[in-house]
Structure formats: C-alpha cells, structure tokens
N, C-alpha and C. Protein backbone atom coordinates (compact mmCIF):
# COMPACT_ATOMS: atom_id res chain seq x y z
N MET A 1 0.75 -0.76 -0.12
CA MET A 1 0.31 0.06 0.15
C MET A 1 0.91 1.58 -0.17
N ALA A 2 1.67 2.02 1.11
CA ALA A 2 2.87 2.08 0.44
C ALA A 2 3.81 2.71 -0.27
N LEU A 3 3.88 1.47 -1.23
CA LEU A 3 4.52 1.69 -2.29
C LEU A 3 3.35 2.35 -3.32
N LYS A 4 2.73 1.91 -3.89
CA LYS A 4 1.79 2.88 -4.55
C LYS A 4 1.52 4.09 -4.22
N GLY A 5 1.12 4.24 -3.39
CA GLY A 5 1.06 5.93 -2.30
C GLY A 5 2.94 6.94 -2.81
N GLN A 6 3.89 6.26 -2.93
CA GLN A 6 4.69 6.20 -2.81
C GLN A 6 5.30 6.51 -4.46
N ASP A 7 4.27 5.44 -4.97
CA ASP A 7 5.15 5.44 -6.91
C ASP A 7 3.65 7.01 -7.02
N GLU A 8 2.60 7.07 -6.93
CA GLU A 8 1.60 8.21 -7.06
C GLU A 8 2.25 9.71 -6.88
N LEU A 9 3.14 9.51 -5.55
CA LEU A 9 3.82 10.64 -4.81
C LEU A 9 5.02 11.27 -6.40
N ILE A 10 5.96 9.65 -6.45
CA ILE A 10 6.35 10.69 -7.88
C ILE A 10 6.55 11.04 -8.84
N LEU A 11 4.72 10.12 -9.35
CA LEU A 11 4.26 10.59 -10.95
C LEU A 11 4.19 12.18 -11.00
N LEU A 12 3.55 12.20 -9.72
CA LEU A 12 2.81 14.04 -9.63
C LEU A 12 4.41 15.03 -9.08
N ALA A 13 5.86 14.38 -8.75
CA ALA A 13 6.14 15.55 -8.70
C ALA A 13 6.62 15.93 -9.76
N GLU A 14 6.97 14.33 -10.44
CA GLU A 14 7.82 15.15 -12.18
C GLU A 14 6.42 15.05 -12.98
N GLY A 15 5.70 16.01 -12.30
CA GLY A 15 4.81 16.78 -13.50
C GLY A 15 3.59 15.99 -15.11
N GLY A 16 4.16 14.58 -14.91
CA GLY A 16 4.05 13.52 -16.40
C GLY A 16 2.19 13.77 -15.93
N GLY A 17 1.72 13.94 -17.26
CA GLY A 17 0.28 13.50 -16.99
C GLY A 17 -0.80 14.66 -15.69
N VAL A 18 -0.01 15.63 -16.06
CA VAL A 18 -0.75 15.94 -14.33
C VAL A 18 -1.66 17.26 -15.81
N ARG A 19 -2.10 18.33 -15.68
CA ARG A 19 -3.06 19.24 -16.08
C ARG A 19 -2.49 20.35 -15.71
N SER A 20 -2.07 21.54 -16.56
CA SER A 20 -1.93 22.83 -15.68
C SER A 20 -3.44 23.66 -15.64
N SER A 21 -3.66 24.25 -14.57
CA SER A 21 -4.63 24.43 -14.09
C SER A 21 -5.59 25.79 -14.91
N TYR A 22 -4.61 26.51 -16.36
CA TYR A 22 -4.82 27.89 -16.85
C TYR A 22 -4.88 26.81 -17.98
N SER A 23 -4.36 25.99 -18.63
CA SER A 23 -5.75 25.45 -19.75
C SER A 23 -6.48 24.38 -19.62
N VAL A 24 -7.18 24.56 -18.48
CA VAL A 24 -7.72 23.34 -17.59
C VAL A 24 -8.95 25.30 -17.84
N LEU A 25 -8.31 25.93 -16.91
CA LEU A 25 -9.31 26.83 -17.46
C LEU A 25 -9.66 27.52 -18.71
N ASN A 26 -9.00 27.29 -19.55
CA ASN A 26 -9.33 28.01 -20.98
C ASN A 26 -9.63 26.60 -21.84
N VAL A 27 -10.25 25.65 -21.70
CA VAL A 27 -11.44 24.86 -21.81
C VAL A 27 -12.30 24.72 -22.09
N LEU A 28 -12.78 24.70 -20.64
CA LEU A 28 -13.97 25.73 -19.59
C LEU A 28 -14.70 27.26 -20.37
N CYS A 29 -13.45 28.05 -20.52
CA CYS A 29 -13.98 28.97 -20.69
C CYS A 29 -14.55 29.11 -22.37
N SER A 30 -13.84 28.46 -23.08
CA SER A 30 -13.89 27.84 -23.96
C SER A 30 -15.74 27.65 -25.17
N LEU A 31 -15.53 26.08 -23.82
CA LEU A 31 -16.68 25.64 -24.10
C LEU A 31 -18.20 26.06 -23.47
N THR A 32 -18.07 27.45 -22.34
CA THR A 32 -18.90 28.37 -22.06
C THR A 32 -19.50 28.59 -22.76
N GLN A 33 -18.33 29.61 -23.98
CA GLN A 33 -18.38 30.56 -25.09
C GLN A 33 -19.17 30.27 -26.26
N GLN A 34 -18.51 29.48 -26.17
CA GLN A 34 -18.72 28.36 -27.70
C GLN A 34 -20.02 28.18 -27.61
N SER A 35 -20.61 27.93 -26.46
CA SER A 35 -21.76 27.04 -26.46
C SER A 35 -23.00 27.81 -25.77
N LYS A 36 -22.47 28.92 -25.70
CA LYS A 36 -22.68 30.08 -25.89
C LYS A 36 -24.41 29.50 -24.08
N THR A 37 -24.45 28.95 -23.82
CA THR A 37 -25.42 28.90 -22.14
C THR A 37 -25.40 30.05 -21.62
N ASN A 38 -24.67 31.04 -21.08
CA ASN A 38 -25.29 31.52 -20.93
C ASN A 38 -25.97 32.65 -22.03
N GLU A 39 -25.84 32.92 -22.73
CA GLU A 39 -26.55 33.76 -24.49
C GLU A 39 -28.56 32.62 -23.61
N TYR A 40 -28.12 31.63 -23.84
CA TYR A 40 -29.09 30.79 -23.55
C TYR A 40 -30.25 31.07 -22.45
N ILE A 41 -29.02 30.98 -21.12
CA ILE A 41 -30.58 31.51 -20.07
C ILE A 41 -30.97 32.51 -20.15
N SER A 42 -29.95 33.98 -20.25
CA SER A 42 -30.61 34.42 -20.98
C SER A 42 -31.85 34.94 -21.03
N ALA A 43 -31.99 34.30 -22.03
CA ALA A 43 -32.93 34.46 -23.62
C ALA A 43 -34.35 33.59 -22.77
N GLN A 44 -34.19 32.81 -21.83
CA GLN A 44 -34.73 31.69 -21.58
C GLN A 44 -35.35 32.51 -20.47
N GLN A 45 -34.18 32.91 -19.78
CA GLN A 45 -35.13 34.42 -18.79
C GLN A 45 -35.99 34.80 -19.26
N ALA A 46 -36.15 35.42 -19.85
CA ALA A 46 -36.66 36.95 -20.50
C ALA A 46 -37.70 36.12 -22.07
N GLY A 47 -37.73 34.66 -21.83
CA GLY A 47 -39.39 34.60 -21.60
C GLY A 47 -39.45 34.37 -23.75
N LYS A 48 -37.91 34.28 -24.47
CA LYS A 48 -38.75 34.40 -25.63
C LYS A 48 -39.13 33.34 -26.23
N SER A 49 -39.43 32.76 -27.58
CA SER A 49 -39.05 31.76 -27.99
C SER A 49 -37.82 31.16 -27.90
N ALA A 50 -38.67 29.55 -28.56
CA ALA A 50 -37.98 28.76 -28.91
C ALA A 50 -37.46 29.53 -30.67
N ASN A 51 -37.64 29.56 -31.93
CA ASN A 51 -36.66 30.61 -32.64
C ASN A 51 -36.30 31.44 -32.50
N GLU A 52 -36.30 32.20 -31.62
CA GLU A 52 -35.44 33.04 -31.14
C GLU A 52 -34.60 33.08 -29.68
N ILE A 53 -34.35 31.91 -29.57
CA ILE A 53 -33.18 31.12 -28.53
C ILE A 53 -32.31 30.76 -29.58
N ALA A 54 -32.83 29.92 -30.76
CA ALA A 54 -32.44 29.32 -32.42
C ALA A 54 -31.73 30.67 -32.52
N GLU A 55 -31.33 31.64 -32.47
CA GLU A 55 -31.47 32.82 -33.41
C GLU A 55 -30.14 32.88 -32.51
N ILE A 56 -30.43 33.72 -31.18
CA ILE A 56 -29.14 34.17 -30.90
C ILE A 56 -28.10 33.13 -30.57
N VAL A 57 -28.34 31.43 -29.61
CA VAL A 57 -27.56 30.92 -29.33
C VAL A 57 -26.54 30.03 -30.68
N GLY A 58 -27.31 30.17 -31.68
CA GLY A 58 -26.19 29.85 -32.82
C GLY A 58 -26.26 28.19 -33.78
N GLU A 59 -25.18 28.11 -33.80
CA GLU A 59 -25.13 26.71 -34.86
C GLU A 59 -25.37 25.57 -33.75
N TYR A 60 -24.26 25.65 -32.26
CA TYR A 60 -23.57 24.73 -31.69
C TYR A 60 -24.31 25.32 -30.60
N GLY A 61 -24.92 26.23 -30.04
CA GLY A 61 -26.20 26.21 -28.64
C GLY A 61 -27.14 25.02 -28.86
N VAL A 62 -27.81 24.81 -29.95
CA VAL A 62 -29.11 24.58 -30.55
C VAL A 62 -29.21 23.18 -30.23
N PHE A 63 -27.71 22.25 -29.84
CA PHE A 63 -27.30 21.17 -29.19
C PHE A 63 -27.28 20.75 -28.32
N PRO A 64 -28.47 19.93 -27.84
CA PRO A 64 -28.26 19.25 -26.65
C PRO A 64 -26.95 19.41 -24.98
N LEU A 65 -25.89 18.67 -26.04
CA LEU A 65 -25.30 18.25 -25.90
C LEU A 65 -24.17 19.46 -25.98
N TYR A 66 -24.43 20.47 -26.84
CA TYR A 66 -23.57 21.01 -26.68
C TYR A 66 -23.59 22.15 -25.37
N ARG A 67 -25.43 22.02 -24.84
CA ARG A 67 -25.57 23.18 -23.70
C ARG A 67 -25.11 21.84 -22.05
N MET A 68 -25.02 20.72 -22.35
CA MET A 68 -25.43 20.03 -21.06
C MET A 68 -23.62 20.64 -20.86
N LEU A 69 -22.85 20.49 -22.56
CA LEU A 69 -21.51 21.13 -22.33
C LEU A 69 -21.36 22.25 -21.17
N GLY A 70 -21.76 23.08 -21.68
CA GLY A 70 -21.65 24.18 -21.22
C GLY A 70 -22.48 24.73 -20.06
N TYR A 71 -23.27 23.76 -19.76
CA TYR A 71 -23.81 23.78 -18.31
C TYR A 71 -22.44 23.23 -17.58
N PHE A 72 -21.89 21.77 -17.32
CA PHE A 72 -20.76 21.51 -17.52
C PHE A 72 -19.40 22.24 -16.87
N SER A 73 -19.05 23.30 -18.36
CA SER A 73 -18.01 24.04 -17.43
C SER A 73 -18.95 25.10 -16.80
N ILE A 74 -19.55 25.67 -16.88
CA ILE A 74 -20.43 27.15 -15.90
C ILE A 74 -19.16 25.73 -14.99
N ILE A 75 -20.29 25.23 -14.05
CA ILE A 75 -19.81 24.68 -12.63
C ILE A 75 -18.61 24.55 -12.63
N GLY A 76 -18.24 24.18 -13.41
CA GLY A 76 -16.15 23.71 -13.48
C GLY A 76 -15.62 25.08 -13.07
N LEU A 77 -16.26 26.06 -13.73
CA LEU A 77 -15.01 27.73 -13.54
C LEU A 77 -15.89 28.08 -11.62
N LEU A 78 -17.02 27.73 -11.37
CA LEU A 78 -17.40 27.81 -9.73
C LEU A 78 -16.95 27.23 -9.43
N ARG A 79 -16.64 26.14 -9.46
CA ARG A 79 -15.64 25.77 -8.51
C ARG A 79 -14.39 26.00 -8.59
N VAL A 80 -13.74 26.44 -8.99
CA VAL A 80 -12.64 26.63 -9.29
C VAL A 80 -11.98 27.47 -8.62
N GLN A 81 -13.46 28.81 -8.91
CA GLN A 81 -13.61 30.15 -8.18
C GLN A 81 -13.94 30.36 -6.53
C-alpha cells in the first residue's frame, strides 16, 4: 500500500499526466463561450420563443450536448473560483 502512494507522489512530482490549471480553465471558458449557454439562460429568462433562442445561440447552442457541456463548464468554473 505504501509503495503505491510513493509511486503516485513520484508521478505527481515529475508532472507527468498532470494538467496545468490554466489549460483546464481555458478549455472550460472555451466550452462556455462556444455553447453560448449564458446567452441561452438569459434568453429563456427573458421569455423568448424557441425560434428566437435558436437565433441567439447559433449553430452549436441548439444541440443539447453542447448546452450540457456549457452547463458542465460553468459549474466547473464556479468550483474553481
């Protein structure tokens, strides 16, 4: 058991496979901007119709997968903050 812990500490010390926090934040921000989740939420709160929302969010924002990635990214960014 102790050997496994030492191996993990060595791996972390070498930095192999560990992502920098800046690259993670950059990806999360990019996903949020690309999916236009903030715009989607604002349009829904304003009571816009589905067609108006589709115009606002563009080609990526209308797909549920991108919207969920946007929500995931917003929550991830909030957790980092």
